[in-house]
Amino acid sequence: MIKSRVDGYSAIVGRIGYERGEMILRRIAKLIRADFHTDDAVARWGEKKLSILLNDTSAKATEGIAESLLSTIR
C-alpha cells in the first residue's frame, strides 16, 4: 500500500479556497486511477492524504510505482 499526502495542500487551500483545493485532489486521484488495474484501489485518507492499495505487488515494484506517480503528478 502507498500512503502519501499532498505536500503544501493546506497552503494551497489557504490561497485558492477549499472548493478549488478539492478539485486539485480529484484531478490527482484521476491521474492515479488511470495508471492502475481495476483490482487496485485508490482512496482519500483524511483531509490531504491519498492511499493506493495494490494487489499482488512487491515492495520494490511499489517503490517504482510511487516514483512514477510522483513524476506524473508533478
PDB file of N, CA and C in Angstrom:
ATOM      1  N   MET A   1       0.845  -1.174   0.000  1.00  0.00           N
ATOM      2  CA  MET A   1       0.000   0.000   0.000  1.00  0.00           C
ATOM      3  C   MET A   1       0.888   1.233   0.000  1.00  0.00           C
ATOM      4  N   ILE A   2       0.506   2.204  -0.786  1.00  0.00           N
ATOM      5  CA  ILE A   2       1.177   3.501  -0.819  1.00  0.00           C
ATOM      6  C   ILE A   2       0.287   4.481  -0.074  1.00  0.00           C
ATOM      7  N   LYS A   3       0.865   5.154   0.919  1.00  0.00           N
ATOM      8  CA  LYS A   3       0.125   6.231   1.585  1.00  0.00           C
ATOM      9  C   LYS A   3       0.932   7.498   1.386  1.00  0.00           C
ATOM     10  N   SER A   4       0.302   8.536   0.932  1.00  0.00           N
ATOM     11  CA  SER A   4       1.007   9.773   0.670  1.00  0.00           C
ATOM     12  C   SER A   4       0.109  10.959   0.959  1.00  0.00           C
ATOM     13  N   ARG A   5       0.740  12.078   1.202  1.00  0.00           N
ATOM     14  CA  ARG A   5      -0.027  13.302   1.388  1.00  0.00           C
ATOM     15  C   ARG A   5       0.370  14.267   0.292  1.00  0.00           C
ATOM     16  N   VAL A   6      -0.492  15.186   0.025  1.00  0.00           N
ATOM     17  CA  VAL A   6      -0.217  16.204  -0.973  1.00  0.00           C
ATOM     18  C   VAL A   6       0.519  17.332  -0.267  1.00  0.00           C
ATOM     19  N   ASP A   7       1.820  17.450  -0.532  1.00  0.00           N
ATOM     20  CA  ASP A   7       2.629  18.477   0.116  1.00  0.00           C
ATOM     21  C   ASP A   7       2.097  19.865  -0.201  1.00  0.00           C
ATOM     22  N   GLY A   8       2.011  20.687   0.814  1.00  0.00           N
ATOM     23  CA  GLY A   8       1.585  22.062   0.633  1.00  0.00           C
ATOM     24  C   GLY A   8       0.087  22.245   0.435  1.00  0.00           C
ATOM     25  N   TYR A   9      -0.686  21.163   0.638  1.00  0.00           N
ATOM     26  CA  TYR A   9      -2.126  21.232   0.383  1.00  0.00           C
ATOM     27  C   TYR A   9      -2.803  22.310   1.230  1.00  0.00           C
ATOM     28  N   SER A  10      -2.475  22.390   2.500  1.00  0.00           N
ATOM     29  CA  SER A  10      -3.114  23.386   3.379  1.00  0.00           C
ATOM     30  C   SER A  10      -2.827  24.802   2.899  1.00  0.00           C
ATOM     31  N   ALA A  11      -1.594  25.057   2.463  1.00  0.00           N
ATOM     32  CA  ALA A  11      -1.243  26.387   1.956  1.00  0.00           C
ATOM     33  C   ALA A  11      -1.990  26.675   0.654  1.00  0.00           C
ATOM     34  N   ILE A  12      -2.122  25.657  -0.181  1.00  0.00           N
ATOM     35  CA  ILE A  12      -2.857  25.822  -1.445  1.00  0.00           C
ATOM     36  C   ILE A  12      -4.308  26.191  -1.154  1.00  0.00           C
ATOM     37  N   VAL A  13      -4.937  25.449  -0.247  1.00  0.00           N
ATOM     38  CA  VAL A  13      -6.333  25.722   0.119  1.00  0.00           C
ATOM     39  C   VAL A  13      -6.461  27.122   0.718  1.00  0.00           C
ATOM     40  N   GLY A  14      -5.476  27.518   1.513  1.00  0.00           N
ATOM     41  CA  GLY A  14      -5.493  28.857   2.086  1.00  0.00           C
ATOM     42  C   GLY A  14      -5.460  29.946   1.020  1.00  0.00           C
ATOM     43  N   ARG A  15      -4.753  29.673  -0.073  1.00  0.00           N
ATOM     44  CA  ARG A  15      -4.638  30.653  -1.155  1.00  0.00           C
ATOM     45  C   ARG A  15      -5.822  30.635  -2.115  1.00  0.00           C
ATOM     46  N   ILE A  16      -6.277  29.439  -2.496  1.00  0.00           N
ATOM     47  CA  ILE A  16      -7.286  29.360  -3.555  1.00  0.00           C
ATOM     48  C   ILE A  16      -8.663  28.909  -3.084  1.00  0.00           C
ATOM     49  N   GLY A  17      -8.763  28.505  -1.825  1.00  0.00           N
ATOM     50  CA  GLY A  17     -10.053  28.094  -1.278  1.00  0.00           C
ATOM     51  C   GLY A  17     -10.257  26.590  -1.290  1.00  0.00           C
ATOM     52  N   TYR A  18     -11.158  26.165  -0.426  1.00  0.00           N
ATOM     53  CA  TYR A  18     -11.417  24.743  -0.213  1.00  0.00           C
ATOM     54  C   TYR A  18     -11.939  24.048  -1.472  1.00  0.00           C
ATOM     55  N   GLU A  19     -12.902  24.664  -2.146  1.00  0.00           N
ATOM     56  CA  GLU A  19     -13.507  24.025  -3.319  1.00  0.00           C
ATOM     57  C   GLU A  19     -12.484  23.783  -4.421  1.00  0.00           C
ATOM     58  N   ARG A  20     -11.639  24.736  -4.685  1.00  0.00           N
ATOM     59  CA  ARG A  20     -10.608  24.554  -5.714  1.00  0.00           C
ATOM     60  C   ARG A  20      -9.559  23.558  -5.259  1.00  0.00           C
ATOM     61  N   GLY A  21      -9.279  23.536  -3.952  1.00  0.00           N
ATOM     62  CA  GLY A  21      -8.361  22.526  -3.411  1.00  0.00           C
ATOM     63  C   GLY A  21      -8.911  21.118  -3.615  1.00  0.00           C
ATOM     64  N   GLU A  22     -10.213  20.984  -3.425  1.00  0.00           N
ATOM     65  CA  GLU A  22     -10.870  19.689  -3.664  1.00  0.00           C
ATOM     66  C   GLU A  22     -10.757  19.281  -5.129  1.00  0.00           C
ATOM     67  N   MET A  23     -10.878  20.258  -6.025  1.00  0.00           N
ATOM     68  CA  MET A  23     -10.738  19.970  -7.457  1.00  0.00           C
ATOM     69  C   MET A  23      -9.340  19.435  -7.757  1.00  0.00           C
ATOM     70  N   ILE A  24      -8.337  19.981  -7.102  1.00  0.00           N
ATOM     71  CA  ILE A  24      -6.966  19.512  -7.292  1.00  0.00           C
ATOM     72  C   ILE A  24      -6.842  18.058  -6.836  1.00  0.00           C
ATOM     73  N   LEU A  25      -7.391  17.735  -5.658  1.00  0.00           N
ATOM     74  CA  LEU A  25      -7.325  16.352  -5.173  1.00  0.00           C
ATOM     75  C   LEU A  25      -8.045  15.395  -6.120  1.00  0.00           C
ATOM     76  N   ARG A  26      -9.176  15.813  -6.664  1.00  0.00           N
ATOM     77  CA  ARG A  26      -9.903  14.957  -7.611  1.00  0.00           C
ATOM     78  C   ARG A  26      -9.086  14.727  -8.881  1.00  0.00           C
ATOM     79  N   ARG A  27      -8.418  15.759  -9.351  1.00  0.00           N
ATOM     80  CA  ARG A  27      -7.579  15.607 -10.552  1.00  0.00           C
ATOM     81  C   ARG A  27      -6.408  14.673 -10.289  1.00  0.00           C
ATOM     82  N   ILE A  28      -5.803  14.785  -9.116  1.00  0.00           N
ATOM     83  CA  ILE A  28      -4.705  13.886  -8.759  1.00  0.00           C
ATOM     84  C   ILE A  28      -5.208  12.447  -8.693  1.00  0.00           C
ATOM     85  N   ALA A  29      -6.362  12.237  -8.071  1.00  0.00           N
ATOM     86  CA  ALA A  29      -6.945  10.893  -7.977  1.00  0.00           C
ATOM     87  C   ALA A  29      -7.231  10.328  -9.361  1.00  0.00           C
ATOM     88  N   LYS A  30      -7.699  11.178 -10.270  1.00  0.00           N
ATOM     89  CA  LYS A  30      -7.982  10.726 -11.639  1.00  0.00           C
ATOM     90  C   LYS A  30      -6.694  10.289 -12.339  1.00  0.00           C
ATOM     91  N   LEU A  31      -5.627  11.051 -12.164  1.00  0.00           N
ATOM     92  CA  LEU A  31      -4.332  10.682 -12.729  1.00  0.00           C
ATOM     93  C   LEU A  31      -3.858   9.336 -12.187  1.00  0.00           C
ATOM     94  N   ILE A  32      -4.033   9.159 -10.886  1.00  0.00           N
ATOM     95  CA  ILE A  32      -3.601   7.913 -10.246  1.00  0.00           C
ATOM     96  C   ILE A  32      -4.416   6.736 -10.773  1.00  0.00           C
ATOM     97  N   ARG A  33      -5.720   6.868 -10.806  1.00  0.00           N
ATOM     98  CA  ARG A  33      -6.586   5.767 -11.253  1.00  0.00           C
ATOM     99  C   ARG A  33      -6.289   5.349 -12.684  1.00  0.00           C
ATOM    100  N   ALA A  34      -5.880   6.282 -13.512  1.00  0.00           N
ATOM    101  CA  ALA A  34      -5.611   5.981 -14.921  1.00  0.00           C
ATOM    102  C   ALA A  34      -4.459   4.989 -15.082  1.00  0.00           C
ATOM    103  N   ASP A  35      -3.568   4.926 -14.102  1.00  0.00           N
ATOM    104  CA  ASP A  35      -2.387   4.064 -14.195  1.00  0.00           C
ATOM    105  C   ASP A  35      -2.550   2.700 -13.527  1.00  0.00           C
ATOM    106  N   PHE A  36      -3.728   2.397 -12.988  1.00  0.00           N
ATOM    107  CA  PHE A  36      -3.868   1.165 -12.217  1.00  0.00           C
ATOM    108  C   PHE A  36      -4.916   0.222 -12.780  1.00  0.00           C
ATOM    109  N   HIS A  37      -4.823  -1.020 -12.327  1.00  0.00           N
ATOM    110  CA  HIS A  37      -5.778  -2.056 -12.709  1.00  0.00           C
ATOM    111  C   HIS A  37      -7.075  -1.876 -11.924  1.00  0.00           C
ATOM    112  N   THR A  38      -8.127  -2.500 -12.394  1.00  0.00           N
ATOM    113  CA  THR A  38      -9.419  -2.368 -11.722  1.00  0.00           C
ATOM    114  C   THR A  38      -9.436  -3.031 -10.346  1.00  0.00           C
ATOM    115  N   ASP A  39      -8.506  -3.971 -10.081  1.00  0.00           N
ATOM    116  CA  ASP A  39      -8.494  -4.611  -8.768  1.00  0.00           C
ATOM    117  C   ASP A  39      -7.610  -3.875  -7.760  1.00  0.00           C
ATOM    118  N   ASP A  40      -7.005  -2.751  -8.157  1.00  0.00           N
ATOM    119  CA  ASP A  40      -6.292  -1.878  -7.232  1.00  0.00           C
ATOM    120  C   ASP A  40      -7.278  -0.826  -6.742  1.00  0.00           C
ATOM    121  N   ALA A  41      -6.987  -0.230  -5.600  1.00  0.00           N
ATOM    122  CA  ALA A  41      -7.920   0.750  -5.041  1.00  0.00           C
ATOM    123  C   ALA A  41      -7.196   2.055  -4.719  1.00  0.00           C
ATOM    124  N   VAL A  42      -7.842   3.162  -5.037  1.00  0.00           N
ATOM    125  CA  VAL A  42      -7.341   4.495  -4.706  1.00  0.00           C
ATOM    126  C   VAL A  42      -8.393   5.149  -3.823  1.00  0.00           C
ATOM    127  N   ALA A  43      -7.965   5.686  -2.680  1.00  0.00           N
ATOM    128  CA  ALA A  43      -8.927   6.292  -1.766  1.00  0.00           C
ATOM    129  C   ALA A  43      -8.311   7.501  -1.071  1.00  0.00           C
ATOM    130  N   ARG A  44      -9.169   8.392  -0.672  1.00  0.00           N
ATOM    131  CA  ARG A  44      -8.728   9.532   0.123  1.00  0.00           C
ATOM    132  C   ARG A  44      -8.580   9.068   1.563  1.00  0.00           C
ATOM    133  N   TRP A  45      -7.530   9.538   2.217  1.00  0.00           N
ATOM    134  CA  TRP A  45      -7.249   9.153   3.591  1.00  0.00           C
ATOM    135  C   TRP A  45      -7.091  10.435   4.387  1.00  0.00           C
ATOM    136  N   GLY A  46      -8.140  10.879   5.035  1.00  0.00           N
ATOM    137  CA  GLY A  46      -8.068  12.130   5.779  1.00  0.00           C
ATOM    138  C   GLY A  46      -8.223  13.320   4.855  1.00  0.00           C
ATOM    139  N   GLU A  47      -7.798  14.484   5.347  1.00  0.00           N
ATOM    140  CA  GLU A  47      -8.012  15.724   4.594  1.00  0.00           C
ATOM    141  C   GLU A  47      -7.125  15.839   3.363  1.00  0.00           C
ATOM    142  N   LYS A  48      -5.848  15.468   3.490  1.00  0.00           N
ATOM    143  CA  LYS A  48      -4.912  15.728   2.395  1.00  0.00           C
ATOM    144  C   LYS A  48      -4.050  14.526   2.040  1.00  0.00           C
ATOM    145  N   LYS A  49      -4.525  13.343   2.338  1.00  0.00           N
ATOM    146  CA  LYS A  49      -3.758  12.138   2.043  1.00  0.00           C
ATOM    147  C   LYS A  49      -4.530  11.234   1.094  1.00  0.00           C
ATOM    148  N   LEU A  50      -3.782  10.508   0.286  1.00  0.00           N
ATOM    149  CA  LEU A  50      -4.359   9.523  -0.611  1.00  0.00           C
ATOM    150  C   LEU A  50      -3.702   8.186  -0.325  1.00  0.00           C
ATOM    151  N   SER A  51      -4.451   7.108  -0.429  1.00  0.00           N
ATOM    152  CA  SER A  51      -3.914   5.761  -0.260  1.00  0.00           C
ATOM    153  C   SER A  51      -4.199   4.947  -1.509  1.00  0.00           C
ATOM    154  N   ILE A  52      -3.266   4.088  -1.844  1.00  0.00           N
ATOM    155  CA  ILE A  52      -3.418   3.217  -3.002  1.00  0.00           C
ATOM    156  C   ILE A  52      -3.134   1.793  -2.544  1.00  0.00           C
ATOM    157  N   LEU A  53      -4.079   0.916  -2.735  1.00  0.00           N
ATOM    158  CA  LEU A  53      -3.919  -0.491  -2.385  1.00  0.00           C
ATOM    159  C   LEU A  53      -3.630  -1.248  -3.669  1.00  0.00           C
ATOM    160  N   LEU A  54      -2.439  -1.837  -3.741  1.00  0.00           N
ATOM    161  CA  LEU A  54      -2.001  -2.548  -4.943  1.00  0.00           C
ATOM    162  C   LEU A  54      -2.082  -4.048  -4.704  1.00  0.00           C
ATOM    163  N   ASN A  55      -2.786  -4.734  -5.552  1.00  0.00           N
ATOM    164  CA  ASN A  55      -2.967  -6.170  -5.439  1.00  0.00           C
ATOM    165  C   ASN A  55      -1.736  -6.897  -6.002  1.00  0.00           C
ATOM    166  N   ASP A  56      -1.193  -7.842  -5.256  1.00  0.00           N
ATOM    167  CA  ASP A  56      -0.056  -8.661  -5.708  1.00  0.00           C
ATOM    168  C   ASP A  56       1.105  -7.835  -6.252  1.00  0.00           C
ATOM    169  N   THR A  57       1.578  -6.884  -5.468  1.00  0.00           N
ATOM    170  CA  THR A  57       2.675  -6.024  -5.888  1.00  0.00           C
ATOM    171  C   THR A  57       3.763  -6.046  -4.821  1.00  0.00           C
ATOM    172  N   SER A  58       5.005  -6.320  -5.245  1.00  0.00           N
ATOM    173  CA  SER A  58       6.121  -6.380  -4.304  1.00  0.00           C
ATOM    174  C   SER A  58       6.475  -4.982  -3.799  1.00  0.00           C
ATOM    175  N   ALA A  59       7.232  -4.950  -2.703  1.00  0.00           N
ATOM    176  CA  ALA A  59       7.659  -3.669  -2.141  1.00  0.00           C
ATOM    177  C   ALA A  59       8.530  -2.907  -3.144  1.00  0.00           C
ATOM    178  N   LYS A  60       9.405  -3.613  -3.849  1.00  0.00           N
ATOM    179  CA  LYS A  60      10.275  -2.970  -4.831  1.00  0.00           C
ATOM    180  C   LYS A  60       9.452  -2.379  -5.982  1.00  0.00           C
ATOM    181  N   ALA A  61       8.475  -3.128  -6.464  1.00  0.00           N
ATOM    182  CA  ALA A  61       7.612  -2.626  -7.541  1.00  0.00           C
ATOM    183  C   ALA A  61       6.785  -1.432  -7.055  1.00  0.00           C
ATOM    184  N   THR A  62       6.363  -1.484  -5.796  1.00  0.00           N
ATOM    185  CA  THR A  62       5.584  -0.383  -5.223  1.00  0.00           C
ATOM    186  C   THR A  62       6.399   0.903  -5.212  1.00  0.00           C
ATOM    187  N   GLU A  63       7.683   0.808  -4.879  1.00  0.00           N
ATOM    188  CA  GLU A  63       8.556   1.983  -4.893  1.00  0.00           C
ATOM    189  C   GLU A  63       8.616   2.610  -6.276  1.00  0.00           C
ATOM    190  N   GLY A  64       8.778   1.762  -7.284  1.00  0.00           N
ATOM    191  CA  GLY A  64       8.836   2.257  -8.657  1.00  0.00           C
ATOM    192  C   GLY A  64       7.540   2.927  -9.076  1.00  0.00           C
ATOM    193  N   ILE A  65       6.428   2.330  -8.681  1.00  0.00           N
ATOM    194  CA  ILE A  65       5.110   2.900  -9.000  1.00  0.00           C
ATOM    195  C   ILE A  65       4.949   4.252  -8.313  1.00  0.00           C
ATOM    196  N   ALA A  66       5.353   4.337  -7.053  1.00  0.00           N
ATOM    197  CA  ALA A  66       5.238   5.596  -6.309  1.00  0.00           C
ATOM    198  C   ALA A  66       6.068   6.688  -6.973  1.00  0.00           C
ATOM    199  N   GLU A  67       7.290   6.378  -7.387  1.00  0.00           N
ATOM    200  CA  GLU A  67       8.141   7.367  -8.054  1.00  0.00           C
ATOM    201  C   GLU A  67       7.535   7.810  -9.383  1.00  0.00           C
ATOM    202  N   SER A  68       6.982   6.858 -10.122  1.00  0.00           N
ATOM    203  CA  SER A  68       6.344   7.181 -11.400  1.00  0.00           C
ATOM    204  C   SER A  68       5.139   8.107 -11.195  1.00  0.00           C
ATOM    205  N   LEU A  69       4.332   7.797 -10.184  1.00  0.00           N
ATOM    206  CA  LEU A  69       3.166   8.637  -9.888  1.00  0.00           C
ATOM    207  C   LEU A  69       3.579  10.037  -9.496  1.00  0.00           C
ATOM    208  N   LEU A  70       4.605  10.136  -8.673  1.00  0.00           N
ATOM    209  CA  LEU A  70       5.090  11.453  -8.244  1.00  0.00           C
ATOM    210  C   LEU A  70       5.518  12.275  -9.446  1.00  0.00           C
ATOM    211  N   SER A  71       6.199  11.648 -10.361  1.00  0.00           N
ATOM    212  CA  SER A  71       6.635  12.318 -11.582  1.00  0.00           C
ATOM    213  C   SER A  71       5.430  12.782 -12.409  1.00  0.00           C
ATOM    214  N   THR A  72       4.435  11.923 -12.557  1.00  0.00           N
ATOM    215  CA  THR A  72       3.229  12.250 -13.325  1.00  0.00           C
ATOM    216  C   THR A  72       2.488  13.427 -12.692  1.00  0.00           C
ATOM    217  N   ILE A  73       2.340  13.416 -11.384  1.00  0.00           N
ATOM    218  CA  ILE A  73       1.598  14.462 -10.686  1.00  0.00           C
ATOM    219  C   ILE A  73       2.322  15.798 -10.751  1.00  0.00           C
ATOM    220  N   ARG A  74       3.643  15.727 -10.619  1.00  0.00           N
ATOM    221  CA  ARG A  74       4.428  16.985 -10.693  1.00  0.00           C
ATOM    222  C   ARG A  74       4.269  17.616 -12.057  1.00  0.00           C
TER     223      ARG A  74
END
